[in-house]
């Protein structure tokens, strides 16, 4: 390896997270070394290795490479942050950071125990709102002005219906919760929600994915997502203590809405757990990345699911949440009560669970097609 080899570190915004990119000319030895560091990920779009910013350790990185390469980390000293082309919005917003949130906004979010992700979204969208009305008394903005602001976002920023709702909620939170205003004064017309039916895999397709997964961790993860109907984040946060093999239950803690629930533990999943435990010996979290200390990442779970689907020859879009959809649909098809499915999935409203009736095979195929009547009567 040439002593002139250089690694440049710089901050970046990639896949909706702050990361540290390590850029260098290809060298097999450097690649092998960087793979050993916690959190190292390869990006095909960046054509570089990167680390989640919240776990990156500059001292550890410098010590690992000081004998073989020069590490240029000058870009980390500045406050500038580059943004991936995938994240970059051609219709950019004014910078949010210089804008101070209204007094009590963040404190009320904490008091109401909103999730970290919701707090992040609400504060960002509230800052956007304040940038537009900068210099105005924010407490005196009228309903009509808020409506015009939302309409402007739709027309000029082309925001989705989902984002429109989130932005409305962020603004309403301030006027209703922080200031204690009347709800009816801030009733902003909502977009009509599009109804998308969930994608579903057959039992045979899921069986194939499990069969082709030779890695015990990957097989265990796939089986868990499907047999318990878990969200990706719920699987990541599971700890060993949450597995109750005596009662054959798994406790899902702090799920969506900060609610706990129990889901049944399949005897076949328990067998896979035991095989996985023998090989990987997890200590705290059920699934960890390289090194065995850090939680498994959501991106890693997506890769595992997609790789299994490709290997199984499934020619459709497959992603972690499709296993949850399949779990609910298959339960409905085998006659499980809808209210019980709702409880297993942790849905707040039964309406959310009812959408699976539109894809459950037994609910659709039991309806006689009038076309069959025509041909039966003509013969």
Protein backbone atom coordinates (compact mmCIF):
# COMPACT_ATOMS: atom_id res chain seq x y z
CA UNK A 1 0.00 0.00 0.00
CA UNK A 2 1.31 3.41 -0.91
CA UNK A 3 2.04 5.67 2.08
CA UNK A 4 0.45 8.48 0.05
CA UNK A 5 -3.00 6.88 0.39
CA UNK A 6 -5.48 9.44 1.66
CA UNK A 7 -8.94 9.10 3.25
CA UNK A 8 -11.16 12.18 3.21
CA UNK A 9 -13.94 12.39 5.82
CA UNK A 10 -16.86 14.72 5.38
CA UNK A 11 -20.42 15.12 6.76
CA UNK A 12 -23.30 14.24 4.49
CA UNK A 13 -27.09 13.84 4.47
CA UNK A 14 -27.93 10.44 3.00
CA UNK A 15 -31.09 8.29 3.17
CA UNK A 16 -32.68 10.75 5.61
CA UNK A 17 -29.89 10.51 8.17
CA UNK A 18 -26.71 12.42 9.00
CA UNK A 19 -23.66 10.38 8.06
CA UNK A 20 -19.88 10.65 7.84
CA UNK A 21 -18.52 9.62 4.43
CA UNK A 22 -15.04 8.10 4.06
CA UNK A 23 -13.79 8.77 0.53
CA UNK A 24 -10.62 7.18 -0.88
CA UNK A 25 -9.24 5.59 -4.01
CA UNK A 26 -10.08 1.90 -4.17
CA UNK A 27 -7.67 -0.24 -2.21
CA UNK A 28 -8.61 -3.79 -1.15
CA UNK A 29 -6.66 -3.52 2.11
CA UNK A 30 -8.42 -0.30 3.12
CA UNK A 31 -11.79 -1.81 2.26
CA UNK A 32 -11.12 -4.84 4.44
CA UNK A 33 -10.07 -2.58 7.32
CA UNK A 34 -13.06 -0.24 7.05
CA UNK A 35 -15.47 -3.21 7.05
CA UNK A 36 -14.29 -4.04 10.56
CA UNK A 37 -15.39 -0.69 12.01
CA UNK A 38 -18.82 -0.52 13.72
CA UNK A 39 -21.59 0.86 11.53
CA UNK A 40 -19.65 0.84 8.24
CA UNK A 41 -22.01 0.83 5.23
CA UNK A 42 -21.36 0.87 1.50
CA UNK A 43 -23.38 3.20 -0.72
CA UNK A 44 -23.69 2.46 -4.42
CA UNK A 45 -25.02 5.95 -5.11
CA UNK A 46 -22.18 7.69 -3.25
CA UNK A 47 -19.65 5.04 -4.33
CA UNK A 48 -18.15 5.40 -0.87
CA UNK A 49 -18.26 3.94 2.61
CA UNK A 50 -20.14 5.86 5.28
CA UNK A 51 -21.02 5.72 8.99
CA UNK A 52 -24.15 6.94 10.82
CA UNK A 53 -23.04 10.20 12.44
CA UNK A 54 -24.45 9.31 15.86
CA UNK A 55 -22.14 6.30 16.22
CA UNK A 56 -19.06 7.53 14.33
CA UNK A 57 -15.93 7.76 16.48
CA UNK A 58 -13.22 9.93 14.90
CA UNK A 59 -10.52 8.84 17.35
CA UNK A 60 -11.23 5.15 16.67
CA UNK A 61 -11.14 5.79 12.92
CA UNK A 62 -7.86 7.73 13.11
CA UNK A 63 -6.22 5.05 15.27
CA UNK A 64 -7.31 2.29 12.87
CA UNK A 65 -5.76 3.94 9.81
CA UNK A 66 -2.87 6.04 11.16
CA UNK A 67 -0.25 3.49 10.08
CA UNK A 68 -1.54 3.01 6.54
CA UNK A 69 -3.18 6.23 5.35
CA UNK A 70 -3.49 9.95 5.96
CA UNK A 71 -6.93 10.90 7.32
CA UNK A 72 -8.17 14.32 6.23
CA UNK A 73 -11.00 15.31 8.59
CA UNK A 74 -10.89 19.09 8.01
CA UNK A 75 -14.43 19.02 6.56
CA UNK A 76 -15.75 17.76 9.90
CA UNK A 77 -14.62 20.96 11.59
CA UNK A 78 -17.00 23.12 9.56
CA UNK A 79 -20.75 23.31 10.12
CA UNK A 80 -21.58 22.80 6.47
CA UNK A 81 -23.48 19.66 5.51
CA UNK A 82 -23.64 18.28 1.99
CA UNK A 83 -26.84 16.64 0.83
CA UNK A 84 -27.36 13.55 -1.30
CA UNK A 85 -29.02 14.11 -4.68
CA UNK A 86 -31.81 11.79 -3.53
CA UNK A 87 -32.53 14.09 -0.60
CA UNK A 88 -32.02 17.39 -2.38
CA UNK A 89 -35.24 19.25 -3.14
CA UNK A 90 -35.12 21.50 -6.16
CA UNK A 91 -37.83 23.56 -4.49
CA UNK A 92 -35.71 24.34 -1.46
CA UNK A 93 -36.97 25.86 1.75
CA UNK A 94 -35.34 28.72 3.65
CA UNK A 95 -32.89 27.42 6.29
CA UNK A 96 -34.65 26.19 9.44
CA UNK A 97 -31.86 26.25 12.00
CA UNK A 98 -31.69 30.04 12.59
CA UNK A 99 -35.42 30.10 13.38
CA UNK A 100 -36.30 29.77 17.04
CA UNK A 101 -39.32 27.65 17.90
CA UNK A 102 -42.22 29.36 19.70
CA UNK A 103 -41.91 29.36 23.46
CA UNK A 104 -43.25 26.17 24.98
CA UNK A 105 -43.51 24.24 21.69
CA UNK A 106 -40.74 21.72 22.30
CA UNK A 107 -41.58 21.49 26.01
CA UNK A 108 -45.21 20.61 25.21
CA UNK A 109 -44.08 17.91 22.76
CA UNK A 110 -42.05 16.41 25.60
CA UNK A 111 -44.95 16.70 28.06
CA UNK A 112 -47.27 14.92 25.63
CA UNK A 113 -44.62 12.19 25.28
CA UNK A 114 -44.48 12.39 21.50
CA UNK A 115 -41.94 10.06 19.89
CA UNK A 116 -38.52 11.38 18.87
CA UNK A 117 -39.42 10.96 15.21
CA UNK A 118 -42.67 12.95 15.60
CA UNK A 119 -40.84 15.70 17.49
CA UNK A 120 -38.28 15.91 14.71
CA UNK A 121 -40.97 16.23 12.04
CA UNK A 122 -43.13 18.71 13.97
CA UNK A 123 -40.25 21.03 14.88
CA UNK A 124 -38.94 21.03 11.29
CA UNK A 125 -42.34 21.84 9.82
CA UNK A 126 -43.07 24.47 12.48
CA UNK A 127 -39.78 26.17 11.65
CA UNK A 128 -40.77 26.22 7.95
CA UNK A 129 -44.04 27.87 8.93
CA UNK A 130 -42.24 30.51 11.03
CA UNK A 131 -39.76 31.31 8.25
CA UNK A 132 -42.63 32.22 5.92
CA UNK A 133 -44.31 34.40 8.59
CA UNK A 134 -41.06 35.88 9.90
CA UNK A 135 -41.53 39.32 11.44
CA UNK A 136 -45.23 38.68 12.15
CA UNK A 137 -46.85 38.02 15.51
CA UNK A 138 -47.16 34.26 15.18
CA UNK A 139 -50.02 34.12 17.71
CA UNK A 140 -52.19 36.32 15.50
CA UNK A 141 -51.90 34.38 12.24
CA UNK A 142 -55.45 33.72 11.00
CA UNK A 143 -57.06 30.50 9.82
CA UNK A 144 -57.28 31.96 6.31
CA UNK A 145 -53.56 32.78 6.28
CA UNK A 146 -52.72 29.23 7.42
CA UNK A 147 -54.96 27.87 4.66
CA UNK A 148 -53.17 30.03 2.11
CA UNK A 149 -49.81 28.81 3.41
CA UNK A 150 -50.82 25.15 3.01
CA UNK A 151 -52.21 25.87 -0.47
CA UNK A 152 -48.93 27.57 -1.38
CA UNK A 153 -46.99 24.48 -0.27
CA UNK A 154 -49.20 22.24 -2.41
CA UNK A 155 -48.82 24.42 -5.50
CA UNK A 156 -45.16 25.40 -5.25
CA UNK A 157 -43.54 22.55 -3.28
CA UNK A 158 -45.78 19.74 -4.54
CA UNK A 159 -46.05 18.22 -1.05
CA UNK A 160 -47.80 14.86 -0.71
CA UNK A 161 -51.16 14.40 1.03
CA UNK A 162 -49.34 12.70 3.90
CA UNK A 163 -46.91 15.58 4.33
CA UNK A 164 -49.78 18.05 4.09
CA UNK A 165 -51.44 16.37 7.05
CA UNK A 166 -48.21 16.32 9.04
CA UNK A 167 -47.62 20.02 8.43
CA UNK A 168 -51.19 20.86 9.43
CA UNK A 169 -50.78 18.81 12.61
CA UNK A 170 -47.51 20.55 13.46
CA UNK A 171 -49.19 23.97 13.15
CA UNK A 172 -52.37 22.89 14.93
CA UNK A 173 -50.28 21.52 17.78
CA UNK A 174 -48.96 25.01 18.48
CA UNK A 175 -52.30 26.81 18.36
CA UNK A 176 -54.34 24.13 20.10
CA UNK A 177 -51.94 22.51 22.58
CA UNK A 178 -49.37 25.20 23.34
CA UNK A 179 -51.68 28.24 23.19
CA UNK A 180 -54.84 26.33 24.16
CA UNK A 181 -56.86 27.67 21.24
CA UNK A 182 -60.23 26.37 20.06
CA UNK A 183 -60.07 23.43 17.71
CA UNK A 184 -62.73 24.67 15.36
CA UNK A 185 -60.80 27.88 14.70
CA UNK A 186 -58.01 25.92 13.03
CA UNK A 187 -59.96 23.32 11.11
CA UNK A 188 -58.08 23.20 7.82
CA UNK A 189 -59.55 21.20 4.98
CA UNK A 190 -57.79 17.87 4.72
CA UNK A 191 -56.89 16.11 1.47
CA UNK A 192 -58.85 13.03 0.54
CA UNK A 193 -56.74 10.04 1.45
CA UNK A 194 -55.84 7.65 -1.34
CA UNK A 195 -56.62 4.07 -0.50
CA UNK A 196 -53.75 1.78 -1.37
CA UNK A 197 -54.29 -1.92 -0.78
CA UNK A 198 -51.37 -3.61 1.01
CA UNK A 199 -49.03 -5.90 -0.90
CA UNK A 200 -49.12 -9.52 0.25
CA UNK A 201 -46.93 -12.60 -0.24
CA UNK A 202 -48.36 -16.12 -0.30
CA UNK A 203 -47.43 -18.66 2.37
CA UNK A 204 -45.49 -20.55 -0.30
CA UNK A 205 -43.42 -17.47 -1.17
CA UNK A 206 -42.60 -16.80 2.48
CA UNK A 207 -41.71 -20.48 2.90
CA UNK A 208 -39.27 -20.20 -0.03
CA UNK A 209 -37.63 -17.10 1.50
CA UNK A 210 -37.07 -18.99 4.75
CA UNK A 211 -35.75 -22.06 2.93
CA UNK A 212 -33.12 -20.14 0.94
CA UNK A 213 -31.89 -18.16 3.97
CA UNK A 214 -28.88 -20.13 5.19
CA UNK A 215 -27.72 -17.54 7.73
CA UNK A 216 -29.41 -18.32 11.07
CA UNK A 217 -29.73 -14.64 12.02
CA UNK A 218 -31.37 -13.75 8.71
CA UNK A 219 -33.74 -16.73 8.86
CA UNK A 220 -34.67 -15.85 12.44
CA UNK A 221 -35.33 -12.23 11.48
CA UNK A 222 -37.56 -13.15 8.53
CA UNK A 223 -39.52 -15.63 10.64
CA UNK A 224 -39.97 -13.08 13.43
CA UNK A 225 -41.26 -10.31 11.14
CA UNK A 226 -43.78 -12.68 9.56
CA UNK A 227 -44.90 -14.90 12.45
CA UNK A 228 -45.39 -11.95 14.84
CA UNK A 229 -46.45 -9.28 12.33
CA UNK A 230 -43.85 -6.86 13.63
CA UNK A 231 -42.86 -3.50 12.26
CA UNK A 232 -39.18 -3.18 11.36
CA UNK A 233 -38.54 -0.78 14.26
CA UNK A 234 -40.20 -3.20 16.71
CA UNK A 235 -37.89 -6.02 15.65
CA UNK A 236 -34.83 -3.77 16.02
CA UNK A 237 -35.78 -2.79 19.58
CA UNK A 238 -36.50 -6.29 20.86
CA UNK A 239 -34.32 -7.42 23.76
CA UNK A 240 -33.61 -10.97 24.86
CA UNK A 241 -35.65 -10.38 28.05
CA UNK A 242 -38.74 -9.74 25.87
CA UNK A 243 -38.84 -13.39 24.76
CA UNK A 244 -40.95 -15.41 27.23
CA UNK A 245 -40.47 -19.04 26.15
CA UNK A 246 -42.41 -20.41 29.14
CA UNK A 247 -45.59 -18.53 28.25
CA UNK A 248 -44.78 -18.64 24.51
CA UNK A 249 -45.15 -14.86 24.21
CA UNK A 250 -43.06 -11.94 22.97
CA UNK A 251 -43.49 -8.53 24.59
CA UNK A 252 -43.30 -5.64 22.14
CA UNK A 253 -42.38 -2.56 24.17
CA UNK A 254 -42.86 1.09 23.28
CA UNK A 255 -44.37 0.39 19.87
CA UNK A 256 -46.20 2.98 17.76
CA UNK A 257 -48.07 5.33 20.07
CA UNK A 258 -45.67 4.31 22.87
CA UNK A 259 -47.81 1.26 23.65
CA UNK A 260 -46.78 -2.24 24.74
CA UNK A 261 -48.41 -5.43 23.50
CA UNK A 262 -47.89 -9.19 23.54
CA UNK A 263 -47.73 -11.38 20.44
CA UNK A 264 -47.70 -15.22 20.36
CA UNK A 265 -44.34 -16.98 20.00
CA UNK A 266 -44.47 -19.72 17.37
CA UNK A 267 -42.88 -23.02 18.44
CA UNK A 268 -40.99 -23.07 15.13
CA UNK A 269 -39.71 -19.54 15.74
CA UNK A 270 -38.57 -20.60 19.22
CA UNK A 271 -36.58 -23.42 17.62
CA UNK A 272 -34.95 -20.91 15.23
CA UNK A 273 -34.20 -18.60 18.17
CA UNK A 274 -32.36 -21.38 19.99
CA UNK A 275 -30.26 -22.21 16.93
CA UNK A 276 -29.50 -18.51 16.44
CA UNK A 277 -28.58 -18.02 20.14
CA UNK A 278 -26.11 -20.91 20.00
CA UNK A 279 -24.28 -19.37 17.06
CA UNK A 280 -24.43 -15.61 17.75
CA UNK A 281 -24.85 -15.47 21.55
CA UNK A 282 -26.64 -12.06 21.67
CA UNK A 283 -26.25 -10.30 25.03
CA UNK A 284 -28.83 -7.49 25.21
CA UNK A 285 -30.65 -6.76 21.97
CA UNK A 286 -32.05 -9.72 20.09
CA UNK A 287 -30.41 -8.58 16.85
CA UNK A 288 -27.11 -6.72 16.65
CA UNK A 289 -24.77 -5.70 13.86
CA UNK A 290 -21.08 -6.44 13.48
CA UNK A 291 -19.29 -6.60 16.81
CA UNK A 292 -22.42 -7.71 18.65
CA UNK A 293 -23.04 -4.47 20.57
CA UNK A 294 -24.91 -2.07 18.27
CA UNK A 295 -28.55 -2.64 17.34
CA UNK A 296 -29.30 -4.00 13.90
CA UNK A 297 -30.13 -1.18 11.49
CA UNK A 298 -33.35 -0.78 9.53
CA UNK A 299 -31.33 -0.67 6.32
CA UNK A 300 -29.76 -4.04 7.15
CA UNK A 301 -33.19 -5.59 7.70
CA UNK A 302 -34.36 -4.29 4.30
CA UNK A 303 -31.31 -5.82 2.64
CA UNK A 304 -31.92 -9.18 4.32
CA UNK A 305 -35.57 -9.27 3.18
CA UNK A 306 -34.79 -8.18 -0.39
CA UNK A 307 -31.89 -10.63 -0.73
CA UNK A 308 -34.06 -13.54 0.45
CA UNK A 309 -36.81 -12.61 -2.02
CA UNK A 310 -34.37 -12.44 -4.94
CA UNK A 311 -32.80 -15.75 -3.96
CA UNK A 312 -36.26 -17.32 -3.70
CA UNK A 313 -37.08 -16.13 -7.23
CA UNK A 314 -39.93 -13.81 -6.19
CA UNK A 315 -40.46 -11.32 -9.00
CA UNK A 316 -42.25 -8.56 -7.13
CA UNK A 317 -41.30 -5.69 -4.84
CA UNK A 318 -40.54 -7.20 -1.43
CA UNK A 319 -39.81 -5.09 1.68
CA UNK A 320 -39.95 -5.70 5.46
CA UNK A 321 -43.51 -4.39 5.96
CA UNK A 322 -44.90 -6.82 3.37
CA UNK A 323 -44.31 -9.60 5.90
CA UNK A 324 -46.54 -7.76 8.39
CA UNK A 325 -49.22 -7.34 5.71
CA UNK A 326 -48.94 -11.03 4.87
CA UNK A 327 -49.22 -12.02 8.55
CA UNK A 328 -52.50 -10.09 8.91
CA UNK A 329 -53.95 -11.33 5.62
CA UNK A 330 -53.11 -14.98 6.27
CA UNK A 331 -54.67 -14.75 9.74
CA UNK A 332 -57.85 -13.35 8.22
CA UNK A 333 -57.90 -16.08 5.56
CA UNK A 334 -57.65 -18.82 8.18
CA UNK A 335 -60.56 -17.36 10.16
CA UNK A 336 -58.88 -15.35 12.94
CA UNK A 337 -61.25 -12.73 14.34
CA UNK A 338 -60.54 -9.23 13.00
CA UNK A 339 -60.48 -7.75 16.53
CA UNK A 340 -57.79 -10.20 17.55
CA UNK A 341 -55.71 -9.33 14.47
CA UNK A 342 -56.09 -5.66 15.39
CA UNK A 343 -54.70 -6.39 18.84
CA UNK A 344 -51.79 -8.44 17.46
CA UNK A 345 -50.83 -5.65 15.06
CA UNK A 346 -51.20 -2.92 17.68
CA UNK A 347 -53.63 -0.89 15.55
CA UNK A 348 -55.37 2.00 17.31
CA UNK A 349 -58.37 1.86 14.99
CA UNK A 350 -60.20 -1.20 13.62
CA UNK A 351 -60.52 0.66 10.30
CA UNK A 352 -56.79 0.24 9.75
CA UNK A 353 -57.12 -3.52 10.20
CA UNK A 354 -60.24 -3.76 8.04
CA UNK A 355 -58.29 -2.97 4.88
CA UNK A 356 -56.99 -6.55 4.92
CA UNK A 357 -60.49 -7.78 4.12
CA UNK A 358 -59.95 -6.29 0.64
CA UNK A 359 -56.97 -8.56 -0.06
CA UNK A 360 -57.87 -11.72 1.89
CA UNK A 361 -58.42 -14.46 -0.68
CA UNK A 362 -61.33 -16.16 1.10
CA UNK A 363 -63.23 -12.85 1.32
CA UNK A 364 -62.86 -12.20 -2.41
CA UNK A 365 -63.14 -15.66 -3.99
CA UNK A 366 -66.28 -16.65 -2.08
CA UNK A 367 -68.20 -14.03 -4.09
CA UNK A 368 -69.66 -15.69 -7.16
CA UNK A 369 -68.71 -14.02 -10.41
CA UNK A 370 -71.77 -13.26 -12.62
CA UNK A 371 -69.67 -14.22 -15.67
CA UNK A 372 -69.75 -17.82 -14.43
CA UNK A 373 -73.55 -17.71 -14.26
CA UNK A 374 -73.75 -16.69 -17.90
CA UNK A 375 -71.62 -19.60 -19.11
CA UNK A 376 -73.21 -22.13 -16.73
CA UNK A 377 -76.72 -21.20 -17.92
CA UNK A 378 -75.74 -21.32 -21.60
CA UNK A 379 -74.44 -24.90 -21.44
